Amino acid sequence: MNQILSKLNAYTPGLILLAFAAGSVVISMPRSDIETLRPAPELRELDERLSYGSARLSGLISVTNERPVFHASRRPVATPEAPQTPEPVLTLLGVISEDDGKTLAFVKLSTNGALYRIGQGETVGRWRILDIGTEEITVSKDGEAPYKLQING
């Protein structure tokens, strides 16, 4: 008995596919072919059966999309989330004072790796340089509360 059931379970997916294929052939049959094959009284009954079968088949298709037939867990397949881009980071590399007394900071932005030479009041990306000290700068990101960046910090 167990052997018969295991063989029947082995053929079940094939039988289901065969039933879907046969149903799709009947549903996709042109109307002119149906009318020439059946007398008029039987057409109404056939139309009712076909519309019922079509509605039932469309319901089954949505179920199999939500719970894939051949997937081990029979659960909906989760769509992978798009990887989030990391938040850019501003790094202070150095501070230099020019002959005219102007102090400049050398900073690097993590998103593109470019080196920027900026002065007080200038912006890099979303950061505004508020103050430049000898080994640190004070910045504000997007107008938020200011904070200090130190060299190698």
N, C-alpha and C. Protein backbone atom coordinates (compact mmCIF):
# COMPACT_ATOMS: atom_id res chain seq x y z
N MET A 1 0.82 -1.20 0.00
CA MET A 1 0.00 0.00 0.00
C MET A 1 0.87 1.27 0.00
N ASN A 2 1.95 1.22 0.82
CA ASN A 2 2.83 2.38 0.89
C ASN A 2 3.53 2.62 -0.44
N GLN A 3 3.86 1.53 -1.14
CA GLN A 3 4.51 1.67 -2.44
C GLN A 3 3.57 2.32 -3.45
N ILE A 4 2.32 1.96 -3.39
CA ILE A 4 1.33 2.54 -4.32
C ILE A 4 1.18 4.04 -4.04
N LEU A 5 1.10 4.39 -2.74
CA LEU A 5 0.96 5.80 -2.38
C LEU A 5 2.19 6.60 -2.77
N SER A 6 3.38 6.04 -2.59
CA SER A 6 4.60 6.77 -2.96
C SER A 6 4.68 6.96 -4.47
N LYS A 7 4.25 5.95 -5.24
CA LYS A 7 4.23 6.11 -6.71
C LYS A 7 3.19 7.15 -7.12
N LEU A 8 2.04 7.14 -6.46
CA LEU A 8 1.01 8.12 -6.76
C LEU A 8 1.50 9.53 -6.43
N ASN A 9 2.19 9.71 -5.31
CA ASN A 9 2.76 11.01 -4.95
C ASN A 9 3.81 11.45 -5.95
N ALA A 10 4.54 10.51 -6.52
CA ALA A 10 5.56 10.86 -7.51
C ALA A 10 4.93 11.37 -8.79
N TYR A 11 3.75 10.88 -9.14
CA TYR A 11 3.09 11.29 -10.38
C TYR A 11 2.17 12.50 -10.20
N THR A 12 1.90 12.91 -8.97
CA THR A 12 0.96 14.00 -8.71
C THR A 12 1.34 15.30 -9.42
N PRO A 13 2.59 15.79 -9.34
CA PRO A 13 2.92 17.04 -10.05
C PRO A 13 2.68 16.94 -11.56
N GLY A 14 3.00 15.80 -12.13
CA GLY A 14 2.77 15.63 -13.57
C GLY A 14 1.30 15.65 -13.92
N LEU A 15 0.49 15.01 -13.09
CA LEU A 15 -0.96 15.00 -13.33
C LEU A 15 -1.56 16.39 -13.20
N ILE A 16 -1.07 17.15 -12.24
CA ILE A 16 -1.56 18.52 -12.08
C ILE A 16 -1.22 19.37 -13.30
N LEU A 17 0.02 19.25 -13.78
CA LEU A 17 0.42 19.99 -14.98
C LEU A 17 -0.39 19.57 -16.18
N LEU A 18 -0.66 18.27 -16.31
CA LEU A 18 -1.47 17.77 -17.43
C LEU A 18 -2.87 18.34 -17.36
N ALA A 19 -3.46 18.42 -16.16
CA ALA A 19 -4.80 18.99 -16.01
C ALA A 19 -4.81 20.47 -16.39
N PHE A 20 -3.79 21.23 -15.96
CA PHE A 20 -3.71 22.64 -16.34
C PHE A 20 -3.56 22.80 -17.84
N ALA A 21 -2.74 21.95 -18.46
CA ALA A 21 -2.54 22.04 -19.91
C ALA A 21 -3.83 21.73 -20.65
N ALA A 22 -4.55 20.70 -20.22
CA ALA A 22 -5.81 20.36 -20.88
C ALA A 22 -6.83 21.48 -20.70
N GLY A 23 -6.87 22.05 -19.52
CA GLY A 23 -7.80 23.16 -19.28
C GLY A 23 -7.47 24.37 -20.11
N SER A 24 -6.18 24.65 -20.28
CA SER A 24 -5.81 25.81 -21.09
C SER A 24 -6.13 25.60 -22.57
N VAL A 25 -6.05 24.36 -23.04
CA VAL A 25 -6.40 24.08 -24.44
C VAL A 25 -7.88 24.32 -24.65
N VAL A 26 -8.70 23.86 -23.72
CA VAL A 26 -10.15 24.04 -23.85
C VAL A 26 -10.51 25.52 -23.76
N ILE A 27 -9.88 26.24 -22.85
CA ILE A 27 -10.18 27.65 -22.67
C ILE A 27 -9.73 28.47 -23.88
N SER A 28 -8.59 28.11 -24.46
CA SER A 28 -8.05 28.89 -25.57
C SER A 28 -8.63 28.49 -26.92
N MET A 29 -9.55 27.55 -26.97
CA MET A 29 -10.15 27.11 -28.22
C MET A 29 -10.98 28.26 -28.82
N PRO A 30 -10.81 28.57 -30.09
CA PRO A 30 -11.60 29.64 -30.71
C PRO A 30 -13.09 29.35 -30.66
N ARG A 31 -13.88 30.38 -30.52
CA ARG A 31 -15.33 30.24 -30.42
C ARG A 31 -15.93 29.61 -31.67
N SER A 32 -15.41 29.92 -32.82
CA SER A 32 -15.99 29.38 -34.06
C SER A 32 -15.85 27.86 -34.09
N ASP A 33 -14.76 27.30 -33.54
CA ASP A 33 -14.59 25.85 -33.50
C ASP A 33 -15.60 25.21 -32.56
N ILE A 34 -15.85 25.85 -31.44
CA ILE A 34 -16.81 25.30 -30.47
C ILE A 34 -18.20 25.27 -31.06
N GLU A 35 -18.59 26.35 -31.75
CA GLU A 35 -19.93 26.42 -32.31
C GLU A 35 -20.14 25.37 -33.40
N THR A 36 -19.13 25.05 -34.17
CA THR A 36 -19.30 24.06 -35.22
C THR A 36 -19.30 22.64 -34.65
N LEU A 37 -18.72 22.44 -33.48
CA LEU A 37 -18.65 21.10 -32.91
C LEU A 37 -19.86 20.74 -32.06
N ARG A 38 -20.54 21.71 -31.47
CA ARG A 38 -21.63 21.45 -30.53
C ARG A 38 -22.95 22.02 -31.05
N PRO A 39 -24.02 21.34 -30.79
CA PRO A 39 -25.32 21.93 -31.10
C PRO A 39 -25.61 23.07 -30.11
N ALA A 40 -26.51 23.95 -30.49
CA ALA A 40 -26.80 25.17 -29.74
C ALA A 40 -27.19 24.95 -28.28
N PRO A 41 -28.06 23.99 -27.88
CA PRO A 41 -28.42 23.85 -26.47
C PRO A 41 -27.23 23.50 -25.59
N GLU A 42 -26.29 22.74 -26.12
CA GLU A 42 -25.13 22.36 -25.32
C GLU A 42 -24.14 23.51 -25.16
N LEU A 43 -24.21 24.50 -26.05
CA LEU A 43 -23.29 25.64 -25.97
C LEU A 43 -23.46 26.42 -24.67
N ARG A 44 -24.70 26.61 -24.24
CA ARG A 44 -24.92 27.36 -23.01
C ARG A 44 -24.30 26.65 -21.81
N GLU A 45 -24.52 25.35 -21.76
CA GLU A 45 -23.95 24.57 -20.66
C GLU A 45 -22.41 24.61 -20.71
N LEU A 46 -21.87 24.49 -21.92
CA LEU A 46 -20.42 24.53 -22.08
C LEU A 46 -19.87 25.90 -21.69
N ASP A 47 -20.56 26.98 -22.12
CA ASP A 47 -20.13 28.32 -21.74
C ASP A 47 -20.10 28.49 -20.22
N GLU A 48 -21.12 27.98 -19.54
CA GLU A 48 -21.16 28.09 -18.08
C GLU A 48 -20.01 27.31 -17.45
N ARG A 49 -19.77 26.12 -17.94
CA ARG A 49 -18.67 25.31 -17.40
C ARG A 49 -17.31 25.95 -17.67
N LEU A 50 -17.15 26.52 -18.88
CA LEU A 50 -15.88 27.16 -19.22
C LEU A 50 -15.65 28.41 -18.39
N SER A 51 -16.68 29.22 -18.19
CA SER A 51 -16.50 30.43 -17.39
C SER A 51 -16.20 30.07 -15.94
N TYR A 52 -16.87 29.03 -15.41
CA TYR A 52 -16.57 28.58 -14.06
C TYR A 52 -15.14 28.05 -13.98
N GLY A 53 -14.73 27.26 -14.96
CA GLY A 53 -13.37 26.72 -14.98
C GLY A 53 -12.33 27.80 -15.12
N SER A 54 -12.63 28.80 -15.96
CA SER A 54 -11.69 29.90 -16.15
C SER A 54 -11.52 30.71 -14.87
N ALA A 55 -12.62 30.98 -14.18
CA ALA A 55 -12.55 31.74 -12.93
C ALA A 55 -11.79 30.94 -11.88
N ARG A 56 -12.05 29.65 -11.83
CA ARG A 56 -11.36 28.80 -10.85
C ARG A 56 -9.87 28.70 -11.17
N LEU A 57 -9.54 28.59 -12.45
CA LEU A 57 -8.14 28.50 -12.85
C LEU A 57 -7.39 29.78 -12.52
N SER A 58 -8.01 30.94 -12.76
CA SER A 58 -7.33 32.21 -12.44
C SER A 58 -7.12 32.33 -10.93
N GLY A 59 -8.03 31.81 -10.13
CA GLY A 59 -7.84 31.79 -8.69
C GLY A 59 -6.69 30.89 -8.28
N LEU A 60 -6.57 29.75 -8.94
CA LEU A 60 -5.47 28.83 -8.63
C LEU A 60 -4.12 29.41 -9.03
N ILE A 61 -4.09 30.15 -10.11
CA ILE A 61 -2.82 30.75 -10.56
C ILE A 61 -2.32 31.74 -9.52
N SER A 62 -3.21 32.56 -8.97
CA SER A 62 -2.76 33.50 -7.95
C SER A 62 -2.27 32.77 -6.71
N VAL A 63 -2.91 31.67 -6.36
CA VAL A 63 -2.48 30.89 -5.19
C VAL A 63 -1.09 30.30 -5.43
N THR A 64 -0.87 29.75 -6.63
CA THR A 64 0.44 29.15 -6.90
C THR A 64 1.52 30.22 -7.01
N ASN A 65 1.19 31.43 -7.38
CA ASN A 65 2.18 32.51 -7.38
C ASN A 65 2.54 32.90 -5.95
N GLU A 66 1.55 32.90 -5.07
CA GLU A 66 1.81 33.26 -3.68
C GLU A 66 2.52 32.13 -2.92
N ARG A 67 2.16 30.89 -3.24
CA ARG A 67 2.76 29.73 -2.58
C ARG A 67 3.24 28.78 -3.66
N PRO A 68 4.48 28.95 -4.13
CA PRO A 68 4.99 28.15 -5.25
C PRO A 68 4.87 26.64 -5.00
N VAL A 69 4.38 25.92 -6.01
CA VAL A 69 4.10 24.50 -5.87
C VAL A 69 5.36 23.70 -5.57
N PHE A 70 6.45 23.99 -6.25
CA PHE A 70 7.64 23.16 -6.13
C PHE A 70 8.69 23.76 -5.18
N HIS A 71 8.33 24.76 -4.42
CA HIS A 71 9.25 25.36 -3.47
C HIS A 71 9.16 24.57 -2.16
N ALA A 72 10.28 24.31 -1.55
CA ALA A 72 10.33 23.45 -0.36
C ALA A 72 9.44 23.95 0.77
N SER A 73 9.44 25.22 1.02
CA SER A 73 8.68 25.73 2.16
C SER A 73 7.24 26.08 1.80
N ARG A 74 6.92 26.14 0.51
CA ARG A 74 5.59 26.54 0.03
C ARG A 74 5.17 27.88 0.62
N ARG A 75 6.13 28.72 0.88
CA ARG A 75 5.88 30.07 1.37
C ARG A 75 6.20 31.05 0.25
N PRO A 76 5.63 32.23 0.27
CA PRO A 76 5.98 33.23 -0.74
C PRO A 76 7.47 33.53 -0.70
N VAL A 77 8.05 33.65 -1.87
CA VAL A 77 9.47 33.96 -1.96
C VAL A 77 9.66 35.44 -1.65
N ALA A 78 10.48 35.72 -0.67
CA ALA A 78 10.70 37.11 -0.26
C ALA A 78 11.57 37.81 -1.30
N THR A 79 11.17 39.01 -1.67
CA THR A 79 11.97 39.78 -2.60
C THR A 79 13.14 40.39 -1.84
N PRO A 80 14.33 40.27 -2.38
CA PRO A 80 15.48 40.82 -1.67
C PRO A 80 15.41 42.35 -1.63
N GLU A 81 15.79 42.88 -0.49
CA GLU A 81 15.81 44.34 -0.35
C GLU A 81 17.04 44.90 -1.04
N ALA A 82 16.87 46.07 -1.61
CA ALA A 82 18.00 46.72 -2.26
C ALA A 82 19.03 47.10 -1.20
N PRO A 83 20.30 46.87 -1.49
CA PRO A 83 21.32 47.23 -0.49
C PRO A 83 21.33 48.74 -0.26
N GLN A 84 21.41 49.10 0.99
CA GLN A 84 21.42 50.52 1.32
C GLN A 84 22.83 51.07 1.13
N THR A 85 22.88 52.27 0.57
CA THR A 85 24.18 52.91 0.39
C THR A 85 24.65 53.42 1.74
N PRO A 86 25.92 53.23 2.05
CA PRO A 86 26.40 53.67 3.36
C PRO A 86 26.37 55.18 3.47
N GLU A 87 26.17 55.64 4.68
CA GLU A 87 26.16 57.08 4.97
C GLU A 87 27.56 57.63 4.71
N PRO A 88 27.69 58.69 3.92
CA PRO A 88 29.02 59.24 3.65
C PRO A 88 29.68 59.76 4.94
N VAL A 89 31.00 59.65 4.98
CA VAL A 89 31.77 60.07 6.15
C VAL A 89 32.79 61.12 5.71
N LEU A 90 32.91 62.18 6.50
CA LEU A 90 33.89 63.24 6.25
C LEU A 90 35.07 63.01 7.20
N THR A 91 36.28 62.95 6.65
CA THR A 91 37.48 62.70 7.44
C THR A 91 38.43 63.88 7.31
N LEU A 92 38.94 64.37 8.44
CA LEU A 92 39.93 65.45 8.44
C LEU A 92 41.32 64.84 8.30
N LEU A 93 42.03 65.26 7.25
CA LEU A 93 43.37 64.74 7.00
C LEU A 93 44.46 65.68 7.49
N GLY A 94 44.19 66.98 7.47
CA GLY A 94 45.21 67.92 7.91
C GLY A 94 44.70 69.34 7.88
N VAL A 95 45.47 70.24 8.54
CA VAL A 95 45.17 71.67 8.58
C VAL A 95 46.44 72.41 8.21
N ILE A 96 46.31 73.46 7.40
CA ILE A 96 47.47 74.24 6.98
C ILE A 96 47.14 75.72 7.08
N SER A 97 48.13 76.52 7.49
CA SER A 97 47.97 77.98 7.52
C SER A 97 48.81 78.57 6.39
N GLU A 98 48.17 79.42 5.61
CA GLU A 98 48.88 80.06 4.50
C GLU A 98 49.57 81.33 4.99
N ASP A 99 50.43 81.91 4.13
CA ASP A 99 51.17 83.12 4.48
C ASP A 99 50.25 84.30 4.79
N ASP A 100 49.13 84.38 4.13
CA ASP A 100 48.22 85.50 4.34
C ASP A 100 47.35 85.34 5.59
N GLY A 101 47.59 84.28 6.40
CA GLY A 101 46.86 84.08 7.64
C GLY A 101 45.61 83.23 7.48
N LYS A 102 45.28 82.86 6.28
CA LYS A 102 44.09 82.04 6.04
C LYS A 102 44.42 80.58 6.38
N THR A 103 43.50 79.94 7.11
CA THR A 103 43.68 78.55 7.49
C THR A 103 42.78 77.67 6.64
N LEU A 104 43.34 76.61 6.10
CA LEU A 104 42.59 75.68 5.24
C LEU A 104 42.64 74.28 5.84
N ALA A 105 41.59 73.51 5.59
CA ALA A 105 41.53 72.13 6.06
C ALA A 105 41.53 71.22 4.83
N PHE A 106 42.21 70.09 4.96
CA PHE A 106 42.20 69.05 3.93
C PHE A 106 41.30 67.93 4.44
N VAL A 107 40.19 67.70 3.72
CA VAL A 107 39.23 66.67 4.13
C VAL A 107 39.00 65.70 2.97
N LYS A 108 38.53 64.52 3.34
CA LYS A 108 38.22 63.50 2.34
C LYS A 108 36.79 63.02 2.58
N LEU A 109 36.05 62.86 1.49
CA LEU A 109 34.67 62.37 1.55
C LEU A 109 34.69 60.89 1.17
N SER A 110 34.08 60.04 1.99
CA SER A 110 34.18 58.58 1.79
C SER A 110 33.47 58.10 0.52
N THR A 111 32.48 58.82 0.03
CA THR A 111 31.73 58.33 -1.12
C THR A 111 32.53 58.32 -2.41
N ASN A 112 33.38 59.31 -2.61
CA ASN A 112 34.15 59.35 -3.86
C ASN A 112 35.66 59.34 -3.63
N GLY A 113 36.11 59.45 -2.39
CA GLY A 113 37.53 59.41 -2.07
C GLY A 113 38.31 60.64 -2.49
N ALA A 114 37.61 61.69 -2.92
CA ALA A 114 38.29 62.90 -3.38
C ALA A 114 38.79 63.71 -2.18
N LEU A 115 39.90 64.40 -2.40
CA LEU A 115 40.51 65.25 -1.38
C LEU A 115 40.07 66.69 -1.64
N TYR A 116 39.59 67.37 -0.60
CA TYR A 116 39.12 68.75 -0.73
C TYR A 116 39.96 69.67 0.15
N ARG A 117 40.28 70.83 -0.38
CA ARG A 117 40.97 71.88 0.36
C ARG A 117 39.95 72.98 0.57
N ILE A 118 39.50 73.17 1.80
CA ILE A 118 38.39 74.09 2.06
C ILE A 118 38.73 75.04 3.20
N GLY A 119 38.06 76.17 3.17
CA GLY A 119 38.22 77.18 4.20
C GLY A 119 36.97 77.29 5.05
N GLN A 120 37.07 78.13 6.07
CA GLN A 120 35.95 78.33 6.98
C GLN A 120 34.75 78.89 6.22
N GLY A 121 33.55 78.36 6.49
CA GLY A 121 32.31 78.81 5.85
C GLY A 121 32.00 78.08 4.55
N GLU A 122 32.92 77.29 4.03
CA GLU A 122 32.68 76.55 2.79
C GLU A 122 32.00 75.22 3.10
N THR A 123 31.46 74.60 2.05
CA THR A 123 30.76 73.32 2.22
C THR A 123 31.40 72.23 1.36
N VAL A 124 31.29 71.02 1.88
CA VAL A 124 31.68 69.81 1.14
C VAL A 124 30.54 68.83 1.32
N GLY A 125 29.91 68.47 0.22
CA GLY A 125 28.76 67.57 0.33
C GLY A 125 27.69 68.18 1.20
N ARG A 126 27.34 67.49 2.28
CA ARG A 126 26.31 67.97 3.19
C ARG A 126 26.90 68.65 4.43
N TRP A 127 28.21 68.86 4.47
CA TRP A 127 28.87 69.46 5.63
C TRP A 127 29.29 70.90 5.36
N ARG A 128 29.10 71.76 6.35
CA ARG A 128 29.57 73.14 6.31
C ARG A 128 30.66 73.27 7.38
N ILE A 129 31.79 73.85 6.97
CA ILE A 129 32.91 74.05 7.89
C ILE A 129 32.65 75.33 8.68
N LEU A 130 32.45 75.21 9.99
CA LEU A 130 32.13 76.36 10.83
C LEU A 130 33.39 77.01 11.40
N ASP A 131 34.39 76.20 11.78
CA ASP A 131 35.61 76.74 12.39
C ASP A 131 36.77 75.78 12.10
N ILE A 132 37.96 76.35 11.91
CA ILE A 132 39.14 75.53 11.67
C ILE A 132 40.15 75.86 12.75
N GLY A 133 40.54 74.84 13.54
CA GLY A 133 41.55 74.99 14.58
C GLY A 133 42.89 74.47 14.07
N THR A 134 43.84 74.25 14.98
CA THR A 134 45.16 73.77 14.55
C THR A 134 45.17 72.28 14.24
N GLU A 135 44.35 71.48 14.95
CA GLU A 135 44.30 70.04 14.70
C GLU A 135 42.88 69.51 14.64
N GLU A 136 41.90 70.42 14.53
CA GLU A 136 40.51 69.99 14.46
C GLU A 136 39.68 71.02 13.71
N ILE A 137 38.53 70.58 13.24
CA ILE A 137 37.59 71.49 12.59
C ILE A 137 36.22 71.26 13.21
N THR A 138 35.39 72.29 13.18
CA THR A 138 34.02 72.18 13.65
C THR A 138 33.13 72.21 12.42
N VAL A 139 32.26 71.20 12.30
CA VAL A 139 31.40 71.09 11.13
C VAL A 139 29.96 70.92 11.58
N SER A 140 29.06 71.21 10.64
CA SER A 140 27.63 70.98 10.84
C SER A 140 27.11 70.26 9.60
N LYS A 141 26.46 69.15 9.82
CA LYS A 141 25.93 68.36 8.71
C LYS A 141 24.44 68.65 8.57
N ASP A 142 24.05 69.11 7.40
CA ASP A 142 22.65 69.43 7.09
C ASP A 142 22.03 70.41 8.09
N GLY A 143 22.81 71.32 8.62
CA GLY A 143 22.29 72.33 9.54
C GLY A 143 22.03 71.81 10.94
N GLU A 144 22.47 70.60 11.26
CA GLU A 144 22.25 70.04 12.60
C GLU A 144 23.27 70.63 13.58
N ALA A 145 23.27 70.11 14.77
CA ALA A 145 24.18 70.59 15.81
C ALA A 145 25.63 70.40 15.38
N PRO A 146 26.49 71.39 15.63
CA PRO A 146 27.89 71.27 15.22
C PRO A 146 28.64 70.23 16.05
N TYR A 147 29.65 69.66 15.43
CA TYR A 147 30.52 68.73 16.14
C TYR A 147 31.94 68.86 15.58
N LYS A 148 32.92 68.33 16.31
CA LYS A 148 34.33 68.51 15.95
C LYS A 148 34.87 67.23 15.30
N LEU A 149 35.73 67.46 14.29
CA LEU A 149 36.49 66.38 13.67
C LEU A 149 37.96 66.63 13.95
N GLN A 150 38.66 65.61 14.38
CA GLN A 150 40.09 65.74 14.68
C GLN A 150 40.89 64.98 13.64
N ILE A 151 42.14 65.37 13.48
CA ILE A 151 43.04 64.67 12.57
C ILE A 151 43.24 63.27 13.12
N ASN A 152 43.18 62.28 12.24
CA ASN A 152 43.31 60.86 12.59
C ASN A 152 42.29 60.45 13.65
N GLY A 153 41.16 61.07 13.65
CA GLY A 153 40.16 60.73 14.66
C GLY A 153 38.93 60.31 14.06
